[in-house]
Amino acid sequence: MAKTYLDKLSSLINDLKIGDEIAVPVEARHFFSGAGFYVNGAMCASWSPAGLAFKLPKKEVAELIASGTATSLKYFSNGHVKKGYALFENPDATKTKLWKNYFVKAAQQILCQHDKTRR
């Protein structure tokens, strides 16, 4: 099952040319039941049976969840909520501009956190 999500995520990343938008290496790797998008070795987005999720600024995640556009990310129904992630349960593949925006924002989150820890 993870291969299906890895293929979907890899195709989306390639189609959107995300690597051209981010100055550090990016990659997609599979995990237990899905695939993750990694920047500088840290996961900042995932695609799994739960849906397509992005690590975004806390305020934006709260707004997306409050508006009903996204939900909290939980990989299992009885699992814990992954803080800082907005989950799009049924991602529409035609919303390429929206997804590209979220991939770039998620990568920037990771890069900003990395810069803060280096200081």
C-alpha atoms as a PDB file:
ATOM      1  CA  MET A   1       0.000   0.000   0.000  1.00  0.00           C
ATOM      2  CA  ALA A   2       2.807   2.439   0.832  1.00  0.00           C
ATOM      3  CA  LYS A   3       4.100   2.175  -2.754  1.00  0.00           C
ATOM      4  CA  THR A   4       0.813   3.559  -4.080  1.00  0.00           C
ATOM      5  CA  TYR A   5       1.161   6.651  -1.908  1.00  0.00           C
ATOM      6  CA  LEU A   6       4.863   6.982  -2.655  1.00  0.00           C
ATOM      7  CA  ASP A   7       4.069   6.934  -6.376  1.00  0.00           C
ATOM      8  CA  LYS A   8       1.290   9.530  -5.946  1.00  0.00           C
ATOM      9  CA  LEU A   9       3.465  11.805  -3.809  1.00  0.00           C
ATOM     10  CA  SER A  10       6.519  11.459  -6.059  1.00  0.00           C
ATOM     11  CA  SER A  11       4.444  12.227  -9.151  1.00  0.00           C
ATOM     12  CA  LEU A  12       2.877  15.278  -7.534  1.00  0.00           C
ATOM     13  CA  ILE A  13       6.265  16.598  -6.365  1.00  0.00           C
ATOM     14  CA  ASN A  14       7.728  16.088  -9.835  1.00  0.00           C
ATOM     15  CA  ASP A  15       4.716  17.516 -11.682  1.00  0.00           C
ATOM     16  CA  LEU A  16       4.750  20.628  -9.487  1.00  0.00           C
ATOM     17  CA  LYS A  17       8.543  20.974  -9.841  1.00  0.00           C
ATOM     18  CA  ILE A  18       8.879  21.411  -6.073  1.00  0.00           C
ATOM     19  CA  GLY A  19      12.619  20.773  -6.258  1.00  0.00           C
ATOM     20  CA  ASP A  20      12.959  23.956  -8.336  1.00  0.00           C
ATOM     21  CA  GLU A  21      11.274  25.991  -5.584  1.00  0.00           C
ATOM     22  CA  ILE A  22      13.415  24.811  -2.677  1.00  0.00           C
ATOM     23  CA  ALA A  23      17.166  25.403  -2.459  1.00  0.00           C
ATOM     24  CA  VAL A  24      17.948  22.214  -0.505  1.00  0.00           C
ATOM     25  CA  PRO A  25      17.532  18.557  -1.453  1.00  0.00           C
ATOM     26  CA  VAL A  26      14.011  17.166  -1.238  1.00  0.00           C
ATOM     27  CA  GLU A  27      12.864  13.569  -1.406  1.00  0.00           C
ATOM     28  CA  ALA A  28       9.854  11.321  -1.016  1.00  0.00           C
ATOM     29  CA  ARG A  29      10.175   8.156   1.069  1.00  0.00           C
ATOM     30  CA  HIS A  30       7.684   5.533   2.091  1.00  0.00           C
ATOM     31  CA  PHE A  31       6.697   4.881   5.686  1.00  0.00           C
ATOM     32  CA  PHE A  32       4.398   2.319   7.333  1.00  0.00           C
ATOM     33  CA  SER A  33       1.278   2.946   5.223  1.00  0.00           C
ATOM     34  CA  GLY A  34       2.083   6.021   3.187  1.00  0.00           C
ATOM     35  CA  ALA A  35       4.805   8.330   1.981  1.00  0.00           C
ATOM     36  CA  GLY A  36       6.509  11.410   3.348  1.00  0.00           C
ATOM     37  CA  PHE A  37       7.989  14.502   1.729  1.00  0.00           C
ATOM     38  CA  TYR A  38      11.330  15.341   3.319  1.00  0.00           C
ATOM     39  CA  VAL A  39      13.378  18.530   3.298  1.00  0.00           C
ATOM     40  CA  ASN A  40      16.819  18.428   4.901  1.00  0.00           C
ATOM     41  CA  GLY A  41      15.932  14.983   6.220  1.00  0.00           C
ATOM     42  CA  ALA A  42      12.815  16.183   8.072  1.00  0.00           C
ATOM     43  CA  MET A  43       9.304  15.219   7.013  1.00  0.00           C
ATOM     44  CA  CYS A  44       7.038  18.168   6.278  1.00  0.00           C
ATOM     45  CA  ALA A  45       4.219  16.574   4.264  1.00  0.00           C
ATOM     46  CA  SER A  46       2.719  13.139   3.824  1.00  0.00           C
ATOM     47  CA  TRP A  47       0.256  11.233   1.697  1.00  0.00           C
ATOM     48  CA  SER A  48      -1.374   8.205   3.290  1.00  0.00           C
ATOM     49  CA  PRO A  49      -4.778   6.546   3.527  1.00  0.00           C
ATOM     50  CA  ALA A  50      -5.688   9.455   5.840  1.00  0.00           C
ATOM     51  CA  GLY A  51      -5.110  11.968   3.022  1.00  0.00           C
ATOM     52  CA  LEU A  52      -2.560  14.621   2.061  1.00  0.00           C
ATOM     53  CA  ALA A  53      -1.100  16.480   5.050  1.00  0.00           C
ATOM     54  CA  PHE A  54       1.224  19.471   5.352  1.00  0.00           C
ATOM     55  CA  LYS A  55       3.181  20.865   8.298  1.00  0.00           C
ATOM     56  CA  LEU A  56       2.208  24.524   8.235  1.00  0.00           C
ATOM     57  CA  PRO A  57       2.362  27.528  10.567  1.00  0.00           C
ATOM     58  CA  LYS A  58       0.170  26.932  13.654  1.00  0.00           C
ATOM     59  CA  LYS A  59      -2.127  29.841  12.883  1.00  0.00           C
ATOM     60  CA  GLU A  60      -2.755  28.640   9.343  1.00  0.00           C
ATOM     61  CA  VAL A  61      -3.416  25.071  10.522  1.00  0.00           C
ATOM     62  CA  ALA A  62      -5.928  26.387  13.063  1.00  0.00           C
ATOM     63  CA  GLU A  63      -7.664  28.499  10.406  1.00  0.00           C
ATOM     64  CA  LEU A  64      -7.861  25.606   7.914  1.00  0.00           C
ATOM     65  CA  ILE A  65      -9.300  23.295  10.559  1.00  0.00           C
ATOM     66  CA  ALA A  66     -11.739  25.919  11.898  1.00  0.00           C
ATOM     67  CA  SER A  67     -13.032  26.621   8.382  1.00  0.00           C
ATOM     68  CA  GLY A  68     -13.567  22.917   7.678  1.00  0.00           C
ATOM     69  CA  THR A  69     -11.115  22.997   4.782  1.00  0.00           C
ATOM     70  CA  ALA A  70      -8.769  20.579   6.583  1.00  0.00           C
ATOM     71  CA  THR A  71      -8.813  18.367   9.653  1.00  0.00           C
ATOM     72  CA  SER A  72      -6.283  17.358  12.285  1.00  0.00           C
ATOM     73  CA  LEU A  73      -3.852  14.642  11.234  1.00  0.00           C
ATOM     74  CA  LYS A  74      -4.138  11.268  12.919  1.00  0.00           C
ATOM     75  CA  TYR A  75      -2.661   8.233  11.175  1.00  0.00           C
ATOM     76  CA  PHE A  76      -4.878   5.879  13.187  1.00  0.00           C
ATOM     77  CA  SER A  77      -8.399   6.483  14.477  1.00  0.00           C
ATOM     78  CA  ASN A  78      -7.273   5.959  18.078  1.00  0.00           C
ATOM     79  CA  GLY A  79      -3.855   7.578  17.561  1.00  0.00           C
ATOM     80  CA  HIS A  80      -2.645  10.950  18.737  1.00  0.00           C
ATOM     81  CA  VAL A  81      -3.035  14.150  16.720  1.00  0.00           C
ATOM     82  CA  LYS A  82       0.133  15.190  14.881  1.00  0.00           C
ATOM     83  CA  LYS A  83       0.461  18.826  15.936  1.00  0.00           C
ATOM     84  CA  GLY A  84       1.148  21.422  13.287  1.00  0.00           C
ATOM     85  CA  TYR A  85      -0.312  19.418  10.402  1.00  0.00           C
ATOM     86  CA  ALA A  86      -3.351  20.197   8.272  1.00  0.00           C
ATOM     87  CA  LEU A  87      -4.904  17.121   6.660  1.00  0.00           C
ATOM     88  CA  PHE A  88      -6.830  17.220   3.396  1.00  0.00           C
ATOM     89  CA  GLU A  89      -8.782  13.969   3.510  1.00  0.00           C
ATOM     90  CA  ASN A  90      -9.769  13.728  -0.150  1.00  0.00           C
ATOM     91  CA  PRO A  91      -7.143  15.728  -2.034  1.00  0.00           C
ATOM     92  CA  ASP A  92      -8.240  16.982  -5.433  1.00  0.00           C
ATOM     93  CA  ALA A  93      -5.321  16.372  -7.803  1.00  0.00           C
ATOM     94  CA  THR A  94      -6.433  19.285  -9.994  1.00  0.00           C
ATOM     95  CA  LYS A  95      -5.683  21.857  -7.257  1.00  0.00           C
ATOM     96  CA  THR A  96      -2.029  21.973  -8.267  1.00  0.00           C
ATOM     97  CA  LYS A  97      -1.488  25.644  -7.395  1.00  0.00           C
ATOM     98  CA  LEU A  98      -2.868  25.087  -3.894  1.00  0.00           C
ATOM     99  CA  TRP A  99      -0.745  21.974  -3.289  1.00  0.00           C
ATOM    100  CA  LYS A 100       2.392  23.670  -4.604  1.00  0.00           C
ATOM    101  CA  ASN A 101       1.808  26.560  -2.208  1.00  0.00           C
ATOM    102  CA  TYR A 102       1.458  24.152   0.726  1.00  0.00           C
ATOM    103  CA  PHE A 103       4.543  22.113  -0.227  1.00  0.00           C
ATOM    104  CA  VAL A 104       6.629  25.294  -0.366  1.00  0.00           C
ATOM    105  CA  LYS A 105       5.214  26.600   2.941  1.00  0.00           C
ATOM    106  CA  ALA A 106       5.829  23.236   4.606  1.00  0.00           C
ATOM    107  CA  ALA A 107       9.423  23.213   3.374  1.00  0.00           C
ATOM    108  CA  GLN A 108       9.925  26.780   4.596  1.00  0.00           C
ATOM    109  CA  GLN A 109       8.651  25.712   8.046  1.00  0.00           C
ATOM    110  CA  ILE A 110      11.350  23.041   8.204  1.00  0.00           C
ATOM    111  CA  LEU A 111      14.057  25.358   6.916  1.00  0.00           C
ATOM    112  CA  CYS A 112      13.130  28.093   9.426  1.00  0.00           C
ATOM    113  CA  GLN A 113      13.187  25.597  12.292  1.00  0.00           C
ATOM    114  CA  HIS A 114      16.561  24.328  11.074  1.00  0.00           C
ATOM    115  CA  ASP A 115      17.952  27.878  10.960  1.00  0.00           C
ATOM    116  CA  LYS A 116      16.748  28.586  14.517  1.00  0.00           C
ATOM    117  CA  THR A 117      18.455  25.477  15.883  1.00  0.00           C
ATOM    118  CA  ARG A 118      21.735  26.416  14.205  1.00  0.00           C
ATOM    119  CA  ARG A 119      21.918  29.789  15.989  1.00  0.00           C
END
